C-alpha atoms as a PDB file:
ATOM      1  CA  UNK A   1    -117.273-158.428 -53.962  1.00  0.00           C
ATOM      2  CA  UNK A   2    -116.836-157.081 -50.494  1.00  0.00           C
ATOM      3  CA  UNK A   3    -114.555-154.240 -49.493  1.00  0.00           C
ATOM      4  CA  UNK A   4    -113.617-152.901 -46.079  1.00  0.00           C
ATOM      5  CA  UNK A   5    -112.224-149.382 -46.060  1.00  0.00           C
ATOM      6  CA  UNK A   6    -109.898-148.739 -43.125  1.00  0.00           C
ATOM      7  CA  UNK A   7    -108.975-145.193 -44.114  1.00  0.00           C
ATOM      8  CA  UNK A   8    -105.359-145.677 -45.218  1.00  0.00           C
ATOM      9  CA  UNK A   9    -105.871-149.302 -46.212  1.00  0.00           C
ATOM     10  CA  UNK A  10    -108.528-151.531 -47.734  1.00  0.00           C
ATOM     11  CA  UNK A  11    -109.351-155.222 -47.626  1.00  0.00           C
ATOM     12  CA  UNK A  12    -111.027-156.846 -50.633  1.00  0.00           C
ATOM     13  CA  UNK A  13    -112.840-160.164 -50.940  1.00  0.00           C
ATOM     14  CA  UNK A  14    -113.771-161.495 -54.381  1.00  0.00           C
ATOM     15  CA  UNK A  15    -115.942-164.580 -54.588  1.00  0.00           C
ATOM     16  CA  UNK A  16    -115.437-167.384 -57.099  1.00  0.00           C
ATOM     17  CA  UNK A  17    -118.445-165.976 -58.950  1.00  0.00           C
ATOM     18  CA  UNK A  18    -116.872-162.482 -59.034  1.00  0.00           C
ATOM     19  CA  UNK A  19    -113.668-163.784 -60.616  1.00  0.00           C
ATOM     20  CA  UNK A  20    -115.519-166.071 -63.041  1.00  0.00           C
ATOM     21  CA  UNK A  21    -117.802-163.254 -64.203  1.00  0.00           C
ATOM     22  CA  UNK A  22    -114.832-160.893 -64.576  1.00  0.00           C
ATOM     23  CA  UNK A  23    -112.843-163.377 -66.682  1.00  0.00           C
ATOM     24  CA  UNK A  24    -115.836-164.059 -68.957  1.00  0.00           C
ATOM     25  CA  UNK A  25    -117.411-160.629 -69.382  1.00  0.00           C
ATOM     26  CA  UNK A  26    -118.516-159.780 -72.898  1.00  0.00           C
ATOM     27  CA  UNK A  27    -116.002-157.744 -74.849  1.00  0.00           C
ATOM     28  CA  UNK A  28    -113.249-158.186 -72.264  1.00  0.00           C
ATOM     29  CA  UNK A  29    -112.755-161.946 -71.901  1.00  0.00           C
ATOM     30  CA  UNK A  30    -109.575-163.180 -70.194  1.00  0.00           C
ATOM     31  CA  UNK A  31    -109.393-166.551 -72.031  1.00  0.00           C
ATOM     32  CA  UNK A  32    -106.529-168.180 -70.105  1.00  0.00           C
ATOM     33  CA  UNK A  33    -107.512-166.848 -66.691  1.00  0.00           C
ATOM     34  CA  UNK A  34    -105.797-168.487 -63.765  1.00  0.00           C
ATOM     35  CA  UNK A  35    -108.039-166.646 -61.306  1.00  0.00           C
ATOM     36  CA  UNK A  36    -111.419-167.444 -62.820  1.00  0.00           C
ATOM     37  CA  UNK A  37    -113.680-169.265 -60.357  1.00  0.00           C
ATOM     38  CA  UNK A  38    -111.273-168.691 -57.437  1.00  0.00           C
ATOM     39  CA  UNK A  39    -111.821-166.773 -54.192  1.00  0.00           C
ATOM     40  CA  UNK A  40    -109.389-163.938 -53.563  1.00  0.00           C
ATOM     41  CA  UNK A  41    -108.622-161.962 -50.438  1.00  0.00           C
ATOM     42  CA  UNK A  42    -106.242-159.015 -50.784  1.00  0.00           C
ATOM     43  CA  UNK A  43    -105.260-156.164 -48.482  1.00  0.00           C
ATOM     44  CA  UNK A  44    -103.597-152.953 -49.621  1.00  0.00           C
ATOM     45  CA  UNK A  45    -102.169-149.890 -47.915  1.00  0.00           C
ATOM     46  CA  UNK A  46    -100.499-146.827 -49.410  1.00  0.00           C
ATOM     47  CA  UNK A  47     -97.361-148.892 -50.112  1.00  0.00           C
ATOM     48  CA  UNK A  48     -99.257-151.555 -52.088  1.00  0.00           C
ATOM     49  CA  UNK A  49    -100.327-155.142 -51.542  1.00  0.00           C
ATOM     50  CA  UNK A  50     -99.483-156.560 -48.111  1.00  0.00           C
ATOM     51  CA  UNK A  51    -101.685-159.646 -47.825  1.00  0.00           C
ATOM     52  CA  UNK A  52    -103.021-162.087 -50.417  1.00  0.00           C
ATOM     53  CA  UNK A  53    -104.746-165.455 -50.414  1.00  0.00           C
ATOM     54  CA  UNK A  54    -106.313-167.416 -53.259  1.00  0.00           C
ATOM     55  CA  UNK A  55    -108.880-169.994 -52.156  1.00  0.00           C
ATOM     56  CA  UNK A  56    -107.684-169.420 -48.594  1.00  0.00           C
ATOM     57  CA  UNK A  57    -103.988-170.047 -49.264  1.00  0.00           C
ATOM     58  CA  UNK A  58    -100.932-168.165 -50.432  1.00  0.00           C
ATOM     59  CA  UNK A  59    -100.413-168.821 -54.144  1.00  0.00           C
ATOM     60  CA  UNK A  60     -97.165-167.526 -55.628  1.00  0.00           C
ATOM     61  CA  UNK A  61     -98.044-168.853 -59.107  1.00  0.00           C
ATOM     62  CA  UNK A  62    -100.794-166.376 -59.987  1.00  0.00           C
ATOM     63  CA  UNK A  63    -100.197-164.033 -62.895  1.00  0.00           C
ATOM     64  CA  UNK A  64     -99.495-160.543 -61.555  1.00  0.00           C
ATOM     65  CA  UNK A  65    -100.912-158.800 -64.639  1.00  0.00           C
ATOM     66  CA  UNK A  66    -104.205-160.659 -64.264  1.00  0.00           C
ATOM     67  CA  UNK A  67    -104.289-160.030 -60.517  1.00  0.00           C
ATOM     68  CA  UNK A  68    -103.676-156.305 -61.029  1.00  0.00           C
ATOM     69  CA  UNK A  69    -106.349-156.135 -63.728  1.00  0.00           C
ATOM     70  CA  UNK A  70    -109.030-157.932 -61.705  1.00  0.00           C
ATOM     71  CA  UNK A  71    -108.288-155.816 -58.636  1.00  0.00           C
ATOM     72  CA  UNK A  72    -108.226-152.522 -60.547  1.00  0.00           C
ATOM     73  CA  UNK A  73    -111.516-153.341 -62.287  1.00  0.00           C
ATOM     74  CA  UNK A  74    -113.281-154.224 -59.043  1.00  0.00           C
ATOM     75  CA  UNK A  75    -111.741-151.656 -56.702  1.00  0.00           C
ATOM     76  CA  UNK A  76    -112.038-148.843 -59.239  1.00  0.00           C
ATOM     77  CA  UNK A  77    -115.825-148.995 -58.946  1.00  0.00           C
ATOM     78  CA  UNK A  78    -115.742-148.792 -55.138  1.00  0.00           C
ATOM     79  CA  UNK A  79    -113.231-146.116 -54.143  1.00  0.00           C
ATOM     80  CA  UNK A  80    -112.667-142.590 -55.423  1.00  0.00           C
ATOM     81  CA  UNK A  81    -109.414-141.291 -56.937  1.00  0.00           C
ATOM     82  CA  UNK A  82    -108.720-139.234 -53.808  1.00  0.00           C
ATOM     83  CA  UNK A  83    -108.589-142.372 -51.598  1.00  0.00           C
ATOM     84  CA  UNK A  84    -105.070-142.979 -50.187  1.00  0.00           C
ATOM     85  CA  UNK A  85    -104.792-146.438 -51.836  1.00  0.00           C
ATOM     86  CA  UNK A  86    -106.372-145.556 -55.189  1.00  0.00           C
ATOM     87  CA  UNK A  87    -103.047-145.141 -56.988  1.00  0.00           C
ATOM     88  CA  UNK A  88    -101.568-148.473 -55.839  1.00  0.00           C
ATOM     89  CA  UNK A  89    -104.778-150.402 -56.580  1.00  0.00           C
ATOM     90  CA  UNK A  90    -106.237-148.655 -59.633  1.00  0.00           C
ATOM     91  CA  UNK A  91    -104.372-145.559 -60.808  1.00  0.00           C
ATOM     92  CA  UNK A  92    -101.089-147.115 -61.867  1.00  0.00           C
ATOM     93  CA  UNK A  93    -102.976-149.691 -63.976  1.00  0.00           C
ATOM     94  CA  UNK A  94    -105.479-147.402 -65.689  1.00  0.00           C
ATOM     95  CA  UNK A  95    -105.088-146.042 -69.176  1.00  0.00           C
END
């Protein structure tokens, strides 16, 4: 995973290995993952998601719940709750 923090926005790159490992992690397997083993690029600002590619292309068929979960799990370990985009990327999806 790679993240670029632009202050009021972030860009996130997940490798195919990142998404595969996420979908198959012990105790939290996502058995019908549509994102497993795919590369994802996503950009967020304080309004939410504004750019997304899967394997380098726009893909309108991805499951939004899975996308939100994979992003929240990865981003939540990299930015703090006081970051301007924390709520739209992590906070609204956490317990």
